[in-house]
Amino acid sequence: MGAGEVDLVARKGRTVAFIEVKWRSSRAALDQAIDARRLRRVARAAEALAPRFAGPGDDVRIDVILIAPGTWPRRIANAWQPGA
């Protein structure tokens, strides 16, 4: 498919989130863990998977979870905006 991958798919009510999880060995490295190129790949994968997980009227979004040792996970909700 070449569209990238999605790590998790979650639903809450009418919202379906395609979630990219990034782990880095340090908190400082998390700042470079996700960028526009990586988000575009996740967006392509989410677009391919959406018919399987989301129905008519569902809101679809892409979230990112950033994880490093010794820190609380950081969630970026709705990290991808179409056209970004």
PDB file of N, CA and C in Angstrom:
ATOM      1  N   MET A   1       0.824  -1.192   0.000  1.00  0.00           N
ATOM      2  CA  MET A   1       0.000   0.000   0.000  1.00  0.00           C
ATOM      3  C   MET A   1       0.868   1.255   0.000  1.00  0.00           C
ATOM      4  N   GLY A   2       2.004   1.269   0.721  1.00  0.00           N
ATOM      5  CA  GLY A   2       2.894   2.416   0.712  1.00  0.00           C
ATOM      6  C   GLY A   2       2.317   3.641   1.391  1.00  0.00           C
ATOM      7  N   ALA A   3       1.243   3.468   2.121  1.00  0.00           N
ATOM      8  CA  ALA A   3       0.560   4.612   2.710  1.00  0.00           C
ATOM      9  C   ALA A   3       0.991   4.879   4.138  1.00  0.00           C
ATOM     10  N   GLY A   4       1.897   4.104   4.678  1.00  0.00           N
ATOM     11  CA  GLY A   4       2.267   4.286   6.067  1.00  0.00           C
ATOM     12  C   GLY A   4       1.482   3.335   6.942  1.00  0.00           C
ATOM     13  N   GLU A   5       1.432   3.653   8.218  1.00  0.00           N
ATOM     14  CA  GLU A   5       0.755   2.777   9.164  1.00  0.00           C
ATOM     15  C   GLU A   5       0.096   3.599  10.248  1.00  0.00           C
ATOM     16  N   VAL A   6      -0.829   2.966  10.934  1.00  0.00           N
ATOM     17  CA  VAL A   6      -1.494   3.539  12.095  1.00  0.00           C
ATOM     18  C   VAL A   6      -1.233   2.582  13.247  1.00  0.00           C
ATOM     19  N   ASP A   7      -0.827   3.105  14.385  1.00  0.00           N
ATOM     20  CA  ASP A   7      -0.513   2.246  15.525  1.00  0.00           C
ATOM     21  C   ASP A   7      -1.761   1.797  16.283  1.00  0.00           C
ATOM     22  N   LEU A   8      -2.711   2.695  16.459  1.00  0.00           N
ATOM     23  CA  LEU A   8      -3.937   2.386  17.207  1.00  0.00           C
ATOM     24  C   LEU A   8      -5.136   3.032  16.523  1.00  0.00           C
ATOM     25  N   VAL A   9      -6.275   2.394  16.687  1.00  0.00           N
ATOM     26  CA  VAL A   9      -7.541   2.996  16.268  1.00  0.00           C
ATOM     27  C   VAL A   9      -8.452   2.960  17.488  1.00  0.00           C
ATOM     28  N   ALA A  10      -9.022   4.108  17.826  1.00  0.00           N
ATOM     29  CA  ALA A  10      -9.890   4.189  19.002  1.00  0.00           C
ATOM     30  C   ALA A  10     -11.176   4.922  18.631  1.00  0.00           C
ATOM     31  N   ARG A  11     -12.249   4.521  19.278  1.00  0.00           N
ATOM     32  CA  ARG A  11     -13.538   5.172  19.066  1.00  0.00           C
ATOM     33  C   ARG A  11     -14.079   5.636  20.411  1.00  0.00           C
ATOM     34  N   LYS A  12     -14.622   6.838  20.412  1.00  0.00           N
ATOM     35  CA  LYS A  12     -15.367   7.359  21.556  1.00  0.00           C
ATOM     36  C   LYS A  12     -16.594   8.053  20.977  1.00  0.00           C
ATOM     37  N   GLY A  13     -17.727   7.438  21.180  1.00  0.00           N
ATOM     38  CA  GLY A  13     -18.949   7.986  20.605  1.00  0.00           C
ATOM     39  C   GLY A  13     -18.864   8.004  19.087  1.00  0.00           C
ATOM     40  N   ARG A  14     -19.038   9.175  18.495  1.00  0.00           N
ATOM     41  CA  ARG A  14     -19.007   9.321  17.037  1.00  0.00           C
ATOM     42  C   ARG A  14     -17.638   9.777  16.521  1.00  0.00           C
ATOM     43  N   THR A  15     -16.619   9.730  17.378  1.00  0.00           N
ATOM     44  CA  THR A  15     -15.268  10.130  16.971  1.00  0.00           C
ATOM     45  C   THR A  15     -14.386   8.902  16.856  1.00  0.00           C
ATOM     46  N   VAL A  16     -13.730   8.775  15.712  1.00  0.00           N
ATOM     47  CA  VAL A  16     -12.758   7.706  15.483  1.00  0.00           C
ATOM     48  C   VAL A  16     -11.391   8.368  15.366  1.00  0.00           C
ATOM     49  N   ALA A  17     -10.462   7.948  16.218  1.00  0.00           N
ATOM     50  CA  ALA A  17      -9.103   8.498  16.204  1.00  0.00           C
ATOM     51  C   ALA A  17      -8.134   7.446  15.687  1.00  0.00           C
ATOM     52  N   PHE A  18      -7.369   7.829  14.698  1.00  0.00           N
ATOM     53  CA  PHE A  18      -6.254   7.030  14.212  1.00  0.00           C
ATOM     54  C   PHE A  18      -5.027   7.607  14.912  1.00  0.00           C
ATOM     55  N   ILE A  19      -4.333   6.755  15.656  1.00  0.00           N
ATOM     56  CA  ILE A  19      -3.324   7.244  16.594  1.00  0.00           C
ATOM     57  C   ILE A  19      -1.931   6.754  16.213  1.00  0.00           C
ATOM     58  N   GLU A  20      -1.025   7.692  16.130  1.00  0.00           N
ATOM     59  CA  GLU A  20       0.395   7.407  15.915  1.00  0.00           C
ATOM     60  C   GLU A  20       1.088   7.499  17.267  1.00  0.00           C
ATOM     61  N   VAL A  21       1.820   6.466  17.649  1.00  0.00           N
ATOM     62  CA  VAL A  21       2.551   6.445  18.915  1.00  0.00           C
ATOM     63  C   VAL A  21       4.040   6.536  18.593  1.00  0.00           C
ATOM     64  N   LYS A  22       4.695   7.481  19.239  1.00  0.00           N
ATOM     65  CA  LYS A  22       6.140   7.648  19.052  1.00  0.00           C
ATOM     66  C   LYS A  22       6.827   7.512  20.399  1.00  0.00           C
ATOM     67  N   TRP A  23       7.814   6.630  20.460  1.00  0.00           N
ATOM     68  CA  TRP A  23       8.626   6.440  21.652  1.00  0.00           C
ATOM     69  C   TRP A  23      10.022   6.929  21.339  1.00  0.00           C
ATOM     70  N   ARG A  24      10.609   7.681  22.247  1.00  0.00           N
ATOM     71  CA  ARG A  24      11.985   8.129  22.119  1.00  0.00           C
ATOM     72  C   ARG A  24      12.692   7.890  23.442  1.00  0.00           C
ATOM     73  N   SER A  25      14.002   7.817  23.392  1.00  0.00           N
ATOM     74  CA  SER A  25      14.777   7.495  24.592  1.00  0.00           C
ATOM     75  C   SER A  25      14.918   8.666  25.552  1.00  0.00           C
ATOM     76  N   SER A  26      14.558   9.875  25.116  1.00  0.00           N
ATOM     77  CA  SER A  26      14.644  11.033  26.009  1.00  0.00           C
ATOM     78  C   SER A  26      13.504  12.006  25.721  1.00  0.00           C
ATOM     79  N   ARG A  27      13.198  12.793  26.723  1.00  0.00           N
ATOM     80  CA  ARG A  27      12.150  13.808  26.560  1.00  0.00           C
ATOM     81  C   ARG A  27      12.525  14.795  25.458  1.00  0.00           C
ATOM     82  N   ALA A  28      13.785  15.182  25.395  1.00  0.00           N
ATOM     83  CA  ALA A  28      14.226  16.147  24.384  1.00  0.00           C
ATOM     84  C   ALA A  28      14.017  15.609  22.968  1.00  0.00           C
ATOM     85  N   ALA A  29      14.203  14.317  22.780  1.00  0.00           N
ATOM     86  CA  ALA A  29      14.060  13.730  21.441  1.00  0.00           C
ATOM     87  C   ALA A  29      12.602  13.707  20.977  1.00  0.00           C
ATOM     88  N   LEU A  30      11.654  13.847  21.900  1.00  0.00           N
ATOM     89  CA  LEU A  30      10.245  13.835  21.508  1.00  0.00           C
ATOM     90  C   LEU A  30       9.883  15.017  20.617  1.00  0.00           C
ATOM     91  N   ASP A  31      10.602  16.128  20.765  1.00  0.00           N
ATOM     92  CA  ASP A  31      10.290  17.315  19.967  1.00  0.00           C
ATOM     93  C   ASP A  31      10.481  17.076  18.472  1.00  0.00           C
ATOM     94  N   GLN A  32      11.344  16.126  18.110  1.00  0.00           N
ATOM     95  CA  GLN A  32      11.570  15.820  16.706  1.00  0.00           C
ATOM     96  C   GLN A  32      10.920  14.498  16.281  1.00  0.00           C
ATOM     97  N   ALA A  33      10.104  13.908  17.135  1.00  0.00           N
ATOM     98  CA  ALA A  33       9.542  12.588  16.857  1.00  0.00           C
ATOM     99  C   ALA A  33       8.467  12.613  15.783  1.00  0.00           C
ATOM    100  N   ILE A  34       7.782  13.724  15.626  1.00  0.00           N
ATOM    101  CA  ILE A  34       6.700  13.792  14.655  1.00  0.00           C
ATOM    102  C   ILE A  34       6.841  15.088  13.870  1.00  0.00           C
ATOM    103  N   ASP A  35       6.677  14.975  12.570  1.00  0.00           N
ATOM    104  CA  ASP A  35       6.757  16.155  11.702  1.00  0.00           C
ATOM    105  C   ASP A  35       5.699  16.026  10.604  1.00  0.00           C
ATOM    106  N   ALA A  36       5.633  17.007   9.745  1.00  0.00           N
ATOM    107  CA  ALA A  36       4.596  17.027   8.707  1.00  0.00           C
ATOM    108  C   ALA A  36       4.691  15.809   7.788  1.00  0.00           C
ATOM    109  N   ARG A  37       5.890  15.393   7.450  1.00  0.00           N
ATOM    110  CA  ARG A  37       6.057  14.230   6.563  1.00  0.00           C
ATOM    111  C   ARG A  37       5.491  12.970   7.214  1.00  0.00           C
ATOM    112  N   ARG A  38       5.827  12.753   8.470  1.00  0.00           N
ATOM    113  CA  ARG A  38       5.310  11.570   9.176  1.00  0.00           C
ATOM    114  C   ARG A  38       3.792  11.641   9.335  1.00  0.00           C
ATOM    115  N   LEU A  39       3.282  12.824   9.622  1.00  0.00           N
ATOM    116  CA  LEU A  39       1.834  12.975   9.750  1.00  0.00           C
ATOM    117  C   LEU A  39       1.119  12.714   8.429  1.00  0.00           C
ATOM    118  N   ARG A  40       1.719  13.125   7.312  1.00  0.00           N
ATOM    119  CA  ARG A  40       1.114  12.844   6.000  1.00  0.00           C
ATOM    120  C   ARG A  40       1.003  11.345   5.763  1.00  0.00           C
ATOM    121  N   ARG A  41       2.029  10.594   6.146  1.00  0.00           N
ATOM    122  CA  ARG A  41       1.986   9.133   5.987  1.00  0.00           C
ATOM    123  C   ARG A  41       0.877   8.521   6.839  1.00  0.00           C
ATOM    124  N   VAL A  42       0.751   8.987   8.067  1.00  0.00           N
ATOM    125  CA  VAL A  42      -0.320   8.491   8.937  1.00  0.00           C
ATOM    126  C   VAL A  42      -1.678   8.874   8.343  1.00  0.00           C
ATOM    127  N   ALA A  43      -1.783  10.077   7.816  1.00  0.00           N
ATOM    128  CA  ALA A  43      -3.049  10.528   7.222  1.00  0.00           C
ATOM    129  C   ALA A  43      -3.435   9.655   6.034  1.00  0.00           C
ATOM    130  N   ARG A  44      -2.469   9.280   5.207  1.00  0.00           N
ATOM    131  CA  ARG A  44      -2.768   8.395   4.065  1.00  0.00           C
ATOM    132  C   ARG A  44      -3.236   7.028   4.552  1.00  0.00           C
ATOM    133  N   ALA A  45      -2.582   6.511   5.581  1.00  0.00           N
ATOM    134  CA  ALA A  45      -2.998   5.218   6.129  1.00  0.00           C
ATOM    135  C   ALA A  45      -4.393   5.323   6.745  1.00  0.00           C
ATOM    136  N   ALA A  46      -4.648   6.400   7.468  1.00  0.00           N
ATOM    137  CA  ALA A  46      -5.962   6.586   8.076  1.00  0.00           C
ATOM    138  C   ALA A  46      -7.045   6.694   7.008  1.00  0.00           C
ATOM    139  N   GLU A  47      -6.744   7.372   5.921  1.00  0.00           N
ATOM    140  CA  GLU A  47      -7.703   7.490   4.823  1.00  0.00           C
ATOM    141  C   GLU A  47      -8.037   6.122   4.241  1.00  0.00           C
ATOM    142  N   ALA A  48      -7.034   5.273   4.113  1.00  0.00           N
ATOM    143  CA  ALA A  48      -7.254   3.927   3.583  1.00  0.00           C
ATOM    144  C   ALA A  48      -8.055   3.062   4.563  1.00  0.00           C
ATOM    145  N   LEU A  49      -7.857   3.281   5.864  1.00  0.00           N
ATOM    146  CA  LEU A  49      -8.524   2.470   6.887  1.00  0.00           C
ATOM    147  C   LEU A  49      -9.894   3.010   7.295  1.00  0.00           C
ATOM    148  N   ALA A  50     -10.156   4.260   7.037  1.00  0.00           N
ATOM    149  CA  ALA A  50     -11.395   4.889   7.510  1.00  0.00           C
ATOM    150  C   ALA A  50     -12.661   4.136   7.114  1.00  0.00           C
ATOM    151  N   PRO A  51     -12.790   3.644   5.886  1.00  0.00           N
ATOM    152  CA  PRO A  51     -14.028   2.928   5.559  1.00  0.00           C
ATOM    153  C   PRO A  51     -14.265   1.694   6.435  1.00  0.00           C
ATOM    154  N   ARG A  52     -13.212   1.130   6.950  1.00  0.00           N
ATOM    155  CA  ARG A  52     -13.332  -0.059   7.791  1.00  0.00           C
ATOM    156  C   ARG A  52     -13.773   0.272   9.223  1.00  0.00           C
ATOM    157  N   PHE A  53     -13.367   1.442   9.714  1.00  0.00           N
ATOM    158  CA  PHE A  53     -13.595   1.776  11.118  1.00  0.00           C
ATOM    159  C   PHE A  53     -14.583   2.912  11.352  1.00  0.00           C
ATOM    160  N   ALA A  54     -14.790   3.771  10.387  1.00  0.00           N
ATOM    161  CA  ALA A  54     -15.655   4.937  10.567  1.00  0.00           C
ATOM    162  C   ALA A  54     -16.862   4.831   9.653  1.00  0.00           C
ATOM    163  N   GLY A  55     -17.991   5.215  10.181  1.00  0.00           N
ATOM    164  CA  GLY A  55     -19.214   5.180   9.400  1.00  0.00           C
ATOM    165  C   GLY A  55     -19.656   6.577   9.002  1.00  0.00           C
ATOM    166  N   PRO A  56     -20.744   6.655   8.253  1.00  0.00           N
ATOM    167  CA  PRO A  56     -21.285   7.963   7.869  1.00  0.00           C
ATOM    168  C   PRO A  56     -21.607   8.795   9.113  1.00  0.00           C
ATOM    169  N   GLY A  57     -21.207  10.029   9.090  1.00  0.00           N
ATOM    170  CA  GLY A  57     -21.472  10.923  10.218  1.00  0.00           C
ATOM    171  C   GLY A  57     -20.440  10.881  11.322  1.00  0.00           C
ATOM    172  N   ASP A  58     -19.506   9.935  11.269  1.00  0.00           N
ATOM    173  CA  ASP A  58     -18.452   9.892  12.281  1.00  0.00           C
ATOM    174  C   ASP A  58     -17.428  10.989  12.012  1.00  0.00           C
ATOM    175  N   ASP A  59     -16.888  11.547  13.079  1.00  0.00           N
ATOM    176  CA  ASP A  59     -15.759  12.457  12.976  1.00  0.00           C
ATOM    177  C   ASP A  59     -14.496  11.613  13.004  1.00  0.00           C
ATOM    178  N   VAL A  60     -13.574  11.910  12.115  1.00  0.00           N
ATOM    179  CA  VAL A  60     -12.310  11.169  12.034  1.00  0.00           C
ATOM    180  C   VAL A  60     -11.183  12.155  12.307  1.00  0.00           C
ATOM    181  N   ARG A  61     -10.237  11.727  13.138  1.00  0.00           N
ATOM    182  CA  ARG A  61      -9.091  12.592  13.413  1.00  0.00           C
ATOM    183  C   ARG A  61      -7.839  11.748  13.593  1.00  0.00           C
ATOM    184  N   ILE A  62      -6.722  12.427  13.589  1.00  0.00           N
ATOM    185  CA  ILE A  62      -5.426  11.785  13.818  1.00  0.00           C
ATOM    186  C   ILE A  62      -4.834  12.386  15.080  1.00  0.00           C
ATOM    187  N   ASP A  63      -4.534  11.515  16.031  1.00  0.00           N
ATOM    188  CA  ASP A  63      -3.892  11.918  17.278  1.00  0.00           C
ATOM    189  C   ASP A  63      -2.480  11.352  17.309  1.00  0.00           C
ATOM    190  N   VAL A  64      -1.651  11.949  18.141  1.00  0.00           N
ATOM    191  CA  VAL A  64      -0.282  11.470  18.347  1.00  0.00           C
ATOM    192  C   VAL A  64      -0.077  11.310  19.848  1.00  0.00           C
ATOM    193  N   ILE A  65       0.559  10.231  20.241  1.00  0.00           N
ATOM    194  CA  ILE A  65       0.964  10.028  21.625  1.00  0.00           C
ATOM    195  C   ILE A  65       2.477   9.921  21.638  1.00  0.00           C
ATOM    196  N   LEU A  66       3.111  10.764  22.446  1.00  0.00           N
ATOM    197  CA  LEU A  66       4.568  10.799  22.560  1.00  0.00           C
ATOM    198  C   LEU A  66       4.969  10.230  23.915  1.00  0.00           C
ATOM    199  N   ILE A  67       5.916   9.293  23.892  1.00  0.00           N
ATOM    200  CA  ILE A  67       6.316   8.578  25.110  1.00  0.00           C
ATOM    201  C   ILE A  67       7.838   8.581  25.231  1.00  0.00           C
ATOM    202  N   ALA A  68       8.326   8.865  26.434  1.00  0.00           N
ATOM    203  CA  ALA A  68       9.758   8.768  26.747  1.00  0.00           C
ATOM    204  C   ALA A  68       9.881   8.338  28.205  1.00  0.00           C
ATOM    205  N   PRO A  69      10.978   7.652  28.541  1.00  0.00           N
ATOM    206  CA  PRO A  69      11.170   7.221  29.927  1.00  0.00           C
ATOM    207  C   PRO A  69      11.164   8.406  30.896  1.00  0.00           C
ATOM    208  N   GLY A  70      10.527   8.197  32.037  1.00  0.00           N
ATOM    209  CA  GLY A  70      10.541   9.218  33.082  1.00  0.00           C
ATOM    210  C   GLY A  70       9.619  10.398  32.836  1.00  0.00           C
ATOM    211  N   THR A  71       8.767  10.323  31.815  1.00  0.00           N
ATOM    212  CA  THR A  71       7.840  11.416  31.543  1.00  0.00           C
ATOM    213  C   THR A  71       6.430  10.854  31.375  1.00  0.00           C
ATOM    214  N   TRP A  72       5.456  11.682  31.630  1.00  0.00           N
ATOM    215  CA  TRP A  72       4.087  11.285  31.353  1.00  0.00           C
ATOM    216  C   TRP A  72       3.883  11.287  29.844  1.00  0.00           C
ATOM    217  N   PRO A  73       3.101  10.357  29.330  1.00  0.00           N
ATOM    218  CA  PRO A  73       2.793  10.404  27.897  1.00  0.00           C
ATOM    219  C   PRO A  73       2.129  11.737  27.547  1.00  0.00           C
ATOM    220  N   ARG A  74       2.463  12.236  26.372  1.00  0.00           N
ATOM    221  CA  ARG A  74       1.881  13.493  25.902  1.00  0.00           C
ATOM    222  C   ARG A  74       1.007  13.195  24.690  1.00  0.00           C
ATOM    223  N   ARG A  75      -0.223  13.654  24.732  1.00  0.00           N
ATOM    224  CA  ARG A  75      -1.161  13.416  23.635  1.00  0.00           C
ATOM    225  C   ARG A  75      -1.393  14.709  22.876  1.00  0.00           C
ATOM    226  N   ILE A  76      -1.296  14.598  21.564  1.00  0.00           N
ATOM    227  CA  ILE A  76      -1.638  15.717  20.694  1.00  0.00           C
ATOM    228  C   ILE A  76      -2.899  15.303  19.956  1.00  0.00           C
ATOM    229  N   ALA A  77      -4.033  15.873  20.374  1.00  0.00           N
ATOM    230  CA  ALA A  77      -5.314  15.538  19.752  1.00  0.00           C
ATOM    231  C   ALA A  77      -5.458  16.306  18.448  1.00  0.00           C
ATOM    232  N   ASN A  78      -5.995  15.619  17.434  1.00  0.00           N
ATOM    233  CA  ASN A  78      -6.252  16.238  16.134  1.00  0.00           C
ATOM    234  C   ASN A  78      -4.982  16.877  15.574  1.00  0.00           C
ATOM    235  N   ALA A  79      -3.913  16.101  15.540  1.00  0.00           N
ATOM    236  CA  ALA A  79      -2.600  16.617  15.151  1.00  0.00           C
ATOM    237  C   ALA A  79      -2.494  16.936  13.662  1.00  0.00           C
ATOM    238  N   TRP A  80      -3.356  16.351  12.850  1.00  0.00           N
ATOM    239  CA  TRP A  80      -3.279  16.559  11.399  1.00  0.00           C
ATOM    240  C   TRP A  80      -4.499  17.304  10.924  1.00  0.00           C
ATOM    241  N   GLN A  81      -4.268  18.381  10.196  1.00  0.00           N
ATOM    242  CA  GLN A  81      -5.357  19.123   9.578  1.00  0.00           C
ATOM    243  C   GLN A  81      -5.218  18.951   8.063  1.00  0.00           C
ATOM    244  N   PRO A  82      -6.277  18.543   7.382  1.00  0.00           N
ATOM    245  CA  PRO A  82      -6.193  18.392   5.922  1.00  0.00           C
ATOM    246  C   PRO A  82      -5.644  19.672   5.286  1.00  0.00           C
ATOM    247  N   GLY A  83      -4.783  19.471   4.311  1.00  0.00           N
ATOM    248  CA  GLY A  83      -4.167  20.600   3.638  1.00  0.00           C
ATOM    249  C   GLY A  83      -2.922  21.114   4.333  1.00  0.00           C
ATOM    250  N   ALA A  84      -2.579  20.527   5.495  1.00  0.00           N
ATOM    251  CA  ALA A  84      -1.400  20.986   6.232  1.00  0.00           C
ATOM    252  C   ALA A  84      -0.129  20.429   5.619  1.00  0.00           C
TER     253      ALA A  84
END
